[in-house]
């Protein structure tokens, strides 16, 4: 079933979840649309900002694939009940994530309610997976989670090998 939200967002509903696209031509409108992130965004390249976000929600997990046309500085807070995993999909690994470049062999990571600061380049593509806390805790005991990942904003992968 196809429906459109008050913000003009087209959404395809299924029995497993939902999917949709969000297209916004203004930094402030984008911040408002992504309200659950308490997002503050400042465009730092000249020109008209353009964003395209595609998302899919399945079993409580939300996967975003986003494109931002212009360089920006963002400050946000992960939703209070979700962990975040993210990666840079741009050809140039120039996203600065919590003070460190987000290379292709690093995953961005944040606990629920964690403040995030990032700087993205022009023509940036990135992917974010939002996973509810209860799903993470089913996989990894809370004690392990807190000791291993408590202050870590980056997880090393073997993507470059």
N, C-alpha and C. Protein backbone atom coordinates (compact mmCIF):
# COMPACT_ATOMS: atom_id res chain seq x y z
N UNK A 1 0.84 -1.17 0.00
CA UNK A 1 0.00 0.00 0.00
C UNK A 1 0.89 1.24 0.00
N UNK A 2 0.66 2.17 -0.87
CA UNK A 2 1.42 3.41 -0.99
C UNK A 2 0.69 4.51 -0.22
N UNK A 3 1.42 5.29 0.58
CA UNK A 3 0.80 6.43 1.24
C UNK A 3 1.79 7.57 1.32
N UNK A 4 1.31 8.79 1.53
CA UNK A 4 2.16 9.96 1.64
C UNK A 4 1.93 10.60 2.99
N UNK A 5 3.02 10.95 3.70
CA UNK A 5 2.92 11.56 5.02
C UNK A 5 2.67 13.06 4.88
N UNK A 6 2.48 13.72 6.04
CA UNK A 6 2.26 15.17 6.06
C UNK A 6 3.43 15.94 5.47
N UNK A 7 4.65 15.38 5.55
CA UNK A 7 5.83 16.05 5.02
C UNK A 7 6.05 15.75 3.55
N UNK A 8 5.12 15.06 2.91
CA UNK A 8 5.25 14.73 1.50
C UNK A 8 6.15 13.54 1.26
N UNK A 9 6.40 12.75 2.30
CA UNK A 9 7.26 11.59 2.18
C UNK A 9 6.45 10.42 1.66
N UNK A 10 6.92 9.80 0.59
CA UNK A 10 6.25 8.64 0.02
C UNK A 10 6.73 7.40 0.76
N UNK A 11 5.79 6.57 1.21
CA UNK A 11 6.13 5.40 1.98
C UNK A 11 5.42 4.18 1.42
N UNK A 12 6.15 3.08 1.30
CA UNK A 12 5.58 1.81 0.86
C UNK A 12 5.48 0.92 2.09
N UNK A 13 4.26 0.57 2.50
CA UNK A 13 4.08 -0.26 3.67
C UNK A 13 4.00 -1.72 3.27
N UNK A 14 4.63 -2.57 4.08
CA UNK A 14 4.57 -4.01 3.88
C UNK A 14 4.27 -4.66 5.22
N UNK A 15 4.06 -5.96 5.20
CA UNK A 15 3.78 -6.65 6.45
C UNK A 15 5.01 -6.71 7.35
N UNK A 16 6.22 -6.57 6.80
CA UNK A 16 7.43 -6.65 7.60
C UNK A 16 7.90 -5.29 8.12
N UNK A 17 7.49 -4.22 7.50
CA UNK A 17 7.95 -2.90 7.89
C UNK A 17 7.53 -1.89 6.87
N UNK A 18 8.38 -0.90 6.65
CA UNK A 18 8.05 0.14 5.68
C UNK A 18 9.32 0.59 4.97
N UNK A 19 9.12 1.28 3.86
CA UNK A 19 10.23 1.84 3.11
C UNK A 19 9.77 3.16 2.53
N UNK A 20 10.72 4.03 2.24
CA UNK A 20 10.34 5.31 1.67
C UNK A 20 11.52 6.11 1.21
N UNK A 21 11.21 7.28 0.67
CA UNK A 21 12.22 8.22 0.20
C UNK A 21 11.88 9.59 0.73
N UNK A 22 12.93 10.33 1.07
CA UNK A 22 12.75 11.71 1.51
C UNK A 22 13.68 12.55 0.65
N UNK A 23 13.14 13.57 0.01
CA UNK A 23 13.93 14.49 -0.80
C UNK A 23 13.69 15.89 -0.25
N UNK A 24 14.78 16.55 0.17
CA UNK A 24 14.67 17.87 0.78
C UNK A 24 15.71 18.79 0.16
N UNK A 25 15.32 20.04 -0.13
CA UNK A 25 16.22 21.01 -0.76
C UNK A 25 16.66 22.12 0.19
N UNK A 26 16.64 21.86 1.50
CA UNK A 26 16.97 22.89 2.47
C UNK A 26 17.51 22.22 3.74
N UNK A 27 18.62 22.71 4.28
CA UNK A 27 19.26 22.14 5.46
C UNK A 27 18.31 22.16 6.66
N UNK A 28 17.60 23.27 6.86
CA UNK A 28 16.69 23.37 8.01
C UNK A 28 15.51 22.40 7.88
N UNK A 29 14.98 22.26 6.67
CA UNK A 29 13.89 21.31 6.45
C UNK A 29 14.36 19.88 6.68
N UNK A 30 15.60 19.58 6.28
CA UNK A 30 16.14 18.24 6.52
C UNK A 30 16.26 17.97 8.01
N UNK A 31 16.78 18.94 8.76
CA UNK A 31 16.92 18.79 10.22
C UNK A 31 15.57 18.55 10.87
N UNK A 32 14.55 19.26 10.41
CA UNK A 32 13.20 19.08 10.96
C UNK A 32 12.65 17.69 10.63
N UNK A 33 12.88 17.23 9.41
CA UNK A 33 12.40 15.91 8.99
C UNK A 33 13.02 14.80 9.82
N UNK A 34 14.29 14.97 10.20
CA UNK A 34 15.01 13.96 10.98
C UNK A 34 14.95 14.30 12.46
N UNK A 35 13.81 14.74 12.93
CA UNK A 35 13.62 15.23 14.30
C UNK A 35 14.04 14.29 15.40
N UNK A 36 13.89 12.97 15.21
CA UNK A 36 14.25 12.02 16.27
C UNK A 36 15.74 12.04 16.58
N UNK A 37 16.54 12.66 15.72
CA UNK A 37 18.00 12.74 15.91
C UNK A 37 18.43 14.03 16.60
N UNK A 38 17.52 14.94 16.90
CA UNK A 38 17.87 16.24 17.48
C UNK A 38 19.02 16.85 16.68
N UNK A 39 18.83 16.92 15.38
CA UNK A 39 19.87 17.28 14.42
C UNK A 39 20.00 18.78 14.23
N UNK A 40 21.23 19.26 14.29
CA UNK A 40 21.56 20.62 13.91
C UNK A 40 22.56 20.51 12.77
N UNK A 41 22.25 21.15 11.66
CA UNK A 41 23.08 21.01 10.47
C UNK A 41 23.39 22.39 9.91
N UNK A 42 24.64 22.60 9.53
CA UNK A 42 25.05 23.88 8.94
C UNK A 42 25.78 23.60 7.64
N UNK A 43 25.26 24.14 6.58
CA UNK A 43 25.88 24.01 5.26
C UNK A 43 27.10 24.91 5.21
N UNK A 44 28.27 24.37 4.74
CA UNK A 44 29.47 25.19 4.69
C UNK A 44 30.05 25.31 3.27
N UNK A 45 29.32 24.83 2.27
CA UNK A 45 29.68 25.04 0.87
C UNK A 45 28.62 25.94 0.25
N UNK A 46 29.02 26.81 -0.69
CA UNK A 46 28.01 27.67 -1.34
C UNK A 46 27.12 26.85 -2.27
N UNK A 47 25.92 27.34 -2.48
CA UNK A 47 25.00 26.69 -3.41
C UNK A 47 23.75 26.18 -2.72
N UNK A 48 22.92 25.52 -3.50
CA UNK A 48 21.65 25.00 -2.98
C UNK A 48 21.86 23.57 -2.47
N UNK A 49 21.53 23.36 -1.21
CA UNK A 49 21.62 22.05 -0.58
C UNK A 49 20.54 21.14 -1.15
N UNK A 50 20.89 19.88 -1.33
CA UNK A 50 19.95 18.89 -1.85
C UNK A 50 20.24 17.57 -1.14
N UNK A 51 19.23 16.96 -0.58
CA UNK A 51 19.44 15.66 0.07
C UNK A 51 18.43 14.65 -0.44
N UNK A 52 18.90 13.42 -0.55
CA UNK A 52 18.05 12.29 -0.91
C UNK A 52 18.29 11.21 0.14
N UNK A 53 17.24 10.77 0.77
CA UNK A 53 17.33 9.71 1.77
C UNK A 53 16.37 8.61 1.38
N UNK A 54 16.88 7.40 1.31
CA UNK A 54 16.04 6.23 1.12
C UNK A 54 16.14 5.43 2.41
N UNK A 55 15.03 4.89 2.88
CA UNK A 55 15.08 4.13 4.12
C UNK A 55 14.20 2.90 4.03
N UNK A 56 14.57 1.95 4.84
CA UNK A 56 13.77 0.73 4.97
C UNK A 56 13.76 0.36 6.45
N UNK A 57 12.59 -0.01 6.96
CA UNK A 57 12.46 -0.43 8.35
C UNK A 57 11.99 -1.87 8.35
N UNK A 58 12.77 -2.73 9.01
CA UNK A 58 12.43 -4.15 9.11
C UNK A 58 12.73 -4.60 10.53
N UNK A 59 11.77 -5.24 11.15
CA UNK A 59 11.92 -5.81 12.49
C UNK A 59 12.48 -4.81 13.49
N UNK A 60 12.06 -3.56 13.38
CA UNK A 60 12.49 -2.54 14.32
C UNK A 60 13.80 -1.86 13.95
N UNK A 61 14.54 -2.40 12.99
CA UNK A 61 15.80 -1.78 12.55
C UNK A 61 15.50 -0.84 11.40
N UNK A 62 16.22 0.27 11.36
CA UNK A 62 16.00 1.27 10.33
C UNK A 62 17.31 1.50 9.58
N UNK A 63 17.29 1.27 8.27
CA UNK A 63 18.46 1.45 7.43
C UNK A 63 18.24 2.66 6.54
N UNK A 64 19.16 3.65 6.62
CA UNK A 64 19.11 4.85 5.80
C UNK A 64 20.25 4.81 4.79
N UNK A 65 19.99 5.21 3.57
CA UNK A 65 21.04 5.48 2.59
C UNK A 65 20.83 6.92 2.17
N UNK A 66 21.85 7.76 2.40
CA UNK A 66 21.67 9.19 2.21
C UNK A 66 22.71 9.78 1.27
N UNK A 67 22.30 10.84 0.59
CA UNK A 67 23.20 11.65 -0.24
C UNK A 67 22.95 13.11 0.12
N UNK A 68 24.02 13.82 0.46
CA UNK A 68 23.96 15.26 0.70
C UNK A 68 24.84 15.92 -0.35
N UNK A 69 24.30 16.90 -1.04
CA UNK A 69 25.03 17.52 -2.14
C UNK A 69 26.16 18.44 -1.70
N UNK A 70 26.03 19.07 -0.54
CA UNK A 70 27.02 20.06 -0.14
C UNK A 70 27.65 19.75 1.22
N UNK A 71 28.86 20.24 1.39
CA UNK A 71 29.62 20.07 2.63
C UNK A 71 28.82 20.64 3.80
N UNK A 72 28.83 19.92 4.92
CA UNK A 72 28.09 20.39 6.08
C UNK A 72 28.75 19.96 7.38
N UNK A 73 28.41 20.69 8.42
CA UNK A 73 28.79 20.33 9.78
C UNK A 73 27.50 19.93 10.48
N UNK A 74 27.51 18.77 11.11
CA UNK A 74 26.31 18.31 11.80
C UNK A 74 26.61 17.99 13.25
N UNK A 75 25.61 18.19 14.06
CA UNK A 75 25.62 17.79 15.45
C UNK A 75 24.28 17.11 15.67
N UNK A 76 24.31 15.92 16.25
CA UNK A 76 23.07 15.17 16.44
C UNK A 76 23.21 14.29 17.67
N UNK A 77 22.10 13.70 18.09
CA UNK A 77 22.10 12.74 19.18
C UNK A 77 21.37 11.50 18.69
N UNK A 78 22.00 10.34 18.86
CA UNK A 78 21.33 9.11 18.45
C UNK A 78 20.05 8.95 19.25
N UNK A 79 19.02 8.36 18.66
CA UNK A 79 17.78 8.13 19.40
C UNK A 79 18.05 7.38 20.71
N UNK A 80 17.29 7.70 21.75
CA UNK A 80 17.53 7.20 23.10
C UNK A 80 17.44 5.69 23.23
N UNK A 81 16.78 5.02 22.30
CA UNK A 81 16.59 3.58 22.43
C UNK A 81 17.29 2.78 21.32
N UNK A 82 18.25 3.40 20.62
CA UNK A 82 18.88 2.72 19.49
C UNK A 82 20.39 2.91 19.45
N UNK A 83 21.09 1.87 18.99
CA UNK A 83 22.50 1.95 18.67
C UNK A 83 22.61 2.36 17.21
N UNK A 84 23.74 2.94 16.83
CA UNK A 84 23.95 3.38 15.47
C UNK A 84 25.21 2.74 14.92
N UNK A 85 25.12 2.27 13.68
CA UNK A 85 26.27 1.83 12.90
C UNK A 85 26.20 2.60 11.59
N UNK A 86 27.32 3.07 11.09
CA UNK A 86 27.30 3.83 9.85
C UNK A 86 28.58 3.68 9.08
N UNK A 87 28.51 3.98 7.79
CA UNK A 87 29.72 3.94 6.98
C UNK A 87 29.64 4.99 5.88
N UNK A 88 30.81 5.37 5.42
CA UNK A 88 30.97 6.31 4.33
C UNK A 88 30.91 5.54 3.02
N UNK A 89 30.08 5.94 2.10
CA UNK A 89 29.98 5.29 0.79
C UNK A 89 30.49 6.19 -0.33
N UNK A 90 31.09 7.34 0.03
CA UNK A 90 31.65 8.24 -0.97
C UNK A 90 32.99 7.71 -1.44
N UNK A 91 33.39 8.13 -2.63
CA UNK A 91 34.69 7.71 -3.14
C UNK A 91 35.82 8.28 -2.31
N UNK A 92 35.65 9.47 -1.79
CA UNK A 92 36.69 10.08 -0.98
C UNK A 92 36.33 9.92 0.49
N UNK A 93 37.22 9.32 1.29
CA UNK A 93 36.92 9.10 2.71
C UNK A 93 37.14 10.35 3.54
N UNK A 94 36.31 11.37 3.33
CA UNK A 94 36.53 12.65 3.99
C UNK A 94 35.52 12.97 5.08
N UNK A 95 34.69 12.02 5.49
CA UNK A 95 33.78 12.32 6.59
C UNK A 95 34.61 12.34 7.87
N UNK A 96 34.50 13.43 8.61
CA UNK A 96 35.11 13.46 9.93
C UNK A 96 34.03 13.07 10.92
N UNK A 97 34.24 11.98 11.63
CA UNK A 97 33.25 11.42 12.54
C UNK A 97 33.80 11.45 13.95
N UNK A 98 33.23 12.28 14.80
CA UNK A 98 33.65 12.39 16.19
C UNK A 98 35.16 12.59 16.29
N UNK A 99 35.69 13.49 15.44
CA UNK A 99 37.09 13.88 15.51
C UNK A 99 38.07 13.01 14.75
N UNK A 100 37.59 12.03 13.98
CA UNK A 100 38.50 11.14 13.26
C UNK A 100 37.93 10.88 11.86
N UNK A 101 38.80 10.85 10.81
CA UNK A 101 38.28 10.55 9.47
C UNK A 101 37.65 9.16 9.42
N UNK A 102 36.50 9.07 8.82
CA UNK A 102 35.80 7.79 8.70
C UNK A 102 36.23 7.13 7.40
N UNK A 103 37.34 6.40 7.46
CA UNK A 103 37.87 5.69 6.30
C UNK A 103 36.96 4.52 5.96
N UNK A 104 37.22 3.88 4.82
CA UNK A 104 36.39 2.76 4.38
C UNK A 104 36.54 1.52 5.24
N UNK A 105 37.58 1.46 6.08
CA UNK A 105 37.75 0.28 6.94
C UNK A 105 37.25 0.54 8.37
N UNK A 106 36.52 1.64 8.56
CA UNK A 106 35.95 1.95 9.87
C UNK A 106 34.44 2.07 9.77
N UNK A 107 33.77 1.55 10.79
CA UNK A 107 32.33 1.77 10.93
C UNK A 107 32.14 2.82 12.01
N UNK A 108 31.25 3.75 11.78
CA UNK A 108 30.85 4.67 12.83
C UNK A 108 29.99 3.88 13.80
N UNK A 109 30.09 4.18 15.09
CA UNK A 109 29.31 3.47 16.09
C UNK A 109 28.95 4.44 17.20
N UNK A 110 27.72 4.34 17.70
CA UNK A 110 27.31 5.14 18.86
C UNK A 110 26.28 4.38 19.68
N UNK A 111 26.38 4.57 20.99
CA UNK A 111 25.39 4.07 21.93
C UNK A 111 24.14 4.93 21.86
N UNK A 112 23.02 4.46 22.42
CA UNK A 112 21.81 5.28 22.48
C UNK A 112 22.07 6.61 23.20
N UNK A 113 21.47 7.67 22.70
CA UNK A 113 21.58 8.97 23.33
C UNK A 113 22.96 9.61 23.29
N UNK A 114 23.83 9.18 22.37
CA UNK A 114 25.18 9.70 22.27
C UNK A 114 25.22 10.90 21.32
N UNK A 115 25.95 11.94 21.72
CA UNK A 115 26.11 13.09 20.85
C UNK A 115 27.12 12.76 19.75
N UNK A 116 26.80 13.16 18.54
CA UNK A 116 27.63 12.91 17.37
C UNK A 116 27.96 14.25 16.73
N UNK A 117 29.19 14.41 16.33
CA UNK A 117 29.59 15.58 15.55
C UNK A 117 30.29 15.07 14.30
N UNK A 118 29.91 15.62 13.14
CA UNK A 118 30.56 15.18 11.91
C UNK A 118 30.68 16.34 10.93
N UNK A 119 31.63 16.17 10.02
CA UNK A 119 31.82 17.10 8.91
C UNK A 119 31.83 16.25 7.65
N UNK A 120 30.96 16.57 6.71
CA UNK A 120 30.87 15.79 5.49
C UNK A 120 31.32 16.62 4.30
N UNK A 121 31.88 15.97 3.27
CA UNK A 121 32.33 16.69 2.08
C UNK A 121 31.16 16.97 1.13
N UNK A 122 31.43 17.74 0.10
CA UNK A 122 30.45 17.90 -0.99
C UNK A 122 30.18 16.52 -1.59
N UNK A 123 28.97 16.33 -2.08
CA UNK A 123 28.58 15.11 -2.78
C UNK A 123 28.84 13.85 -1.94
N UNK A 124 28.34 13.88 -0.72
CA UNK A 124 28.58 12.80 0.24
C UNK A 124 27.48 11.74 0.21
N UNK A 125 27.90 10.49 0.21
CA UNK A 125 27.00 9.33 0.34
C UNK A 125 27.37 8.59 1.61
N UNK A 126 26.39 8.24 2.42
CA UNK A 126 26.64 7.47 3.62
C UNK A 126 25.44 6.58 3.93
N UNK A 127 25.70 5.57 4.75
CA UNK A 127 24.68 4.60 5.14
C UNK A 127 24.66 4.53 6.66
N UNK A 128 23.47 4.52 7.24
CA UNK A 128 23.31 4.42 8.69
C UNK A 128 22.32 3.31 9.02
N UNK A 129 22.69 2.48 9.97
CA UNK A 129 21.79 1.44 10.48
C UNK A 129 21.50 1.75 11.93
N UNK A 130 20.23 1.93 12.23
CA UNK A 130 19.76 2.20 13.58
C UNK A 130 19.16 0.89 14.12
N UNK A 131 19.74 0.36 15.21
CA UNK A 131 19.31 -0.93 15.76
C UNK A 131 18.80 -0.72 17.18
N UNK A 132 17.56 -1.12 17.47
CA UNK A 132 17.03 -0.96 18.82
C UNK A 132 17.90 -1.67 19.86
N UNK A 133 18.01 -1.06 21.03
CA UNK A 133 18.83 -1.60 22.12
C UNK A 133 18.47 -3.04 22.45
N UNK A 134 17.17 -3.35 22.48
CA UNK A 134 16.77 -4.70 22.89
C UNK A 134 17.30 -5.76 21.92
N UNK A 135 17.45 -5.44 20.63
CA UNK A 135 18.01 -6.40 19.68
C UNK A 135 19.51 -6.61 19.91
N UNK A 136 20.24 -5.52 20.17
CA UNK A 136 21.67 -5.63 20.44
C UNK A 136 21.89 -6.44 21.71
N UNK A 137 21.10 -6.18 22.73
CA UNK A 137 21.27 -6.87 24.01
C UNK A 137 20.91 -8.35 23.93
N UNK A 138 20.12 -8.74 22.93
CA UNK A 138 19.84 -10.17 22.72
C UNK A 138 21.07 -10.89 22.17
N UNK A 139 21.91 -10.14 21.44
CA UNK A 139 23.10 -10.72 20.83
C UNK A 139 24.29 -10.68 21.78
N UNK A 140 24.47 -9.56 22.47
CA UNK A 140 25.64 -9.35 23.32
C UNK A 140 25.17 -8.95 24.71
N UNK A 141 25.62 -9.64 25.76
CA UNK A 141 25.24 -9.25 27.12
C UNK A 141 25.61 -7.79 27.39
N UNK A 142 24.78 -7.12 28.18
CA UNK A 142 24.98 -5.69 28.45
C UNK A 142 26.35 -5.39 29.04
N UNK A 143 26.87 -6.27 29.91
CA UNK A 143 28.18 -6.02 30.52
C UNK A 143 29.28 -5.98 29.45
N UNK A 144 29.26 -6.94 28.52
CA UNK A 144 30.24 -6.97 27.44
C UNK A 144 30.13 -5.72 26.56
N UNK A 145 28.90 -5.35 26.28
CA UNK A 145 28.64 -4.20 25.42
C UNK A 145 29.23 -2.93 26.03
N UNK A 146 29.01 -2.74 27.31
CA UNK A 146 29.50 -1.53 27.97
C UNK A 146 31.02 -1.51 28.08
N UNK A 147 31.64 -2.63 28.38
CA UNK A 147 33.09 -2.64 28.53
C UNK A 147 33.81 -2.57 27.19
N UNK A 148 33.30 -3.23 26.17
CA UNK A 148 33.98 -3.25 24.87
C UNK A 148 33.75 -2.01 24.03
N UNK A 149 32.57 -1.44 24.11
CA UNK A 149 32.22 -0.39 23.16
C UNK A 149 31.83 0.93 23.83
N UNK A 150 32.03 1.07 25.10
CA UNK A 150 31.50 2.21 25.85
C UNK A 150 31.83 3.57 25.23
N UNK A 151 33.09 3.84 24.95
CA UNK A 151 33.45 5.16 24.44
C UNK A 151 33.94 5.10 23.00
N UNK A 152 33.72 4.01 22.34
CA UNK A 152 34.23 3.82 20.99
C UNK A 152 33.25 4.41 19.97
N UNK A 153 33.73 5.32 19.13
CA UNK A 153 32.90 5.89 18.06
C UNK A 153 33.27 5.30 16.71
N UNK A 154 34.25 4.38 16.69
CA UNK A 154 34.71 3.77 15.45
C UNK A 154 34.97 2.29 15.68
N UNK A 155 34.58 1.45 14.76
CA UNK A 155 34.85 0.02 14.83
C UNK A 155 35.65 -0.34 13.59
N UNK A 156 36.83 -0.92 13.79
CA UNK A 156 37.72 -1.32 12.69
C UNK A 156 37.15 -2.55 11.98
N UNK A 157 37.15 -2.54 10.64
CA UNK A 157 36.69 -3.68 9.86
C UNK A 157 37.83 -4.12 8.94
N UNK A 158 37.61 -5.19 8.22
CA UNK A 158 38.62 -5.63 7.24
C UNK A 158 38.16 -5.33 5.81
N UNK A 159 37.37 -4.28 5.63
CA UNK A 159 36.79 -3.93 4.34
C UNK A 159 37.84 -3.64 3.28
N UNK A 160 39.00 -3.15 3.67
CA UNK A 160 40.02 -2.80 2.69
C UNK A 160 40.89 -3.97 2.26
N UNK A 161 40.66 -5.16 2.82
CA UNK A 161 41.52 -6.30 2.51
C UNK A 161 40.87 -7.28 1.57
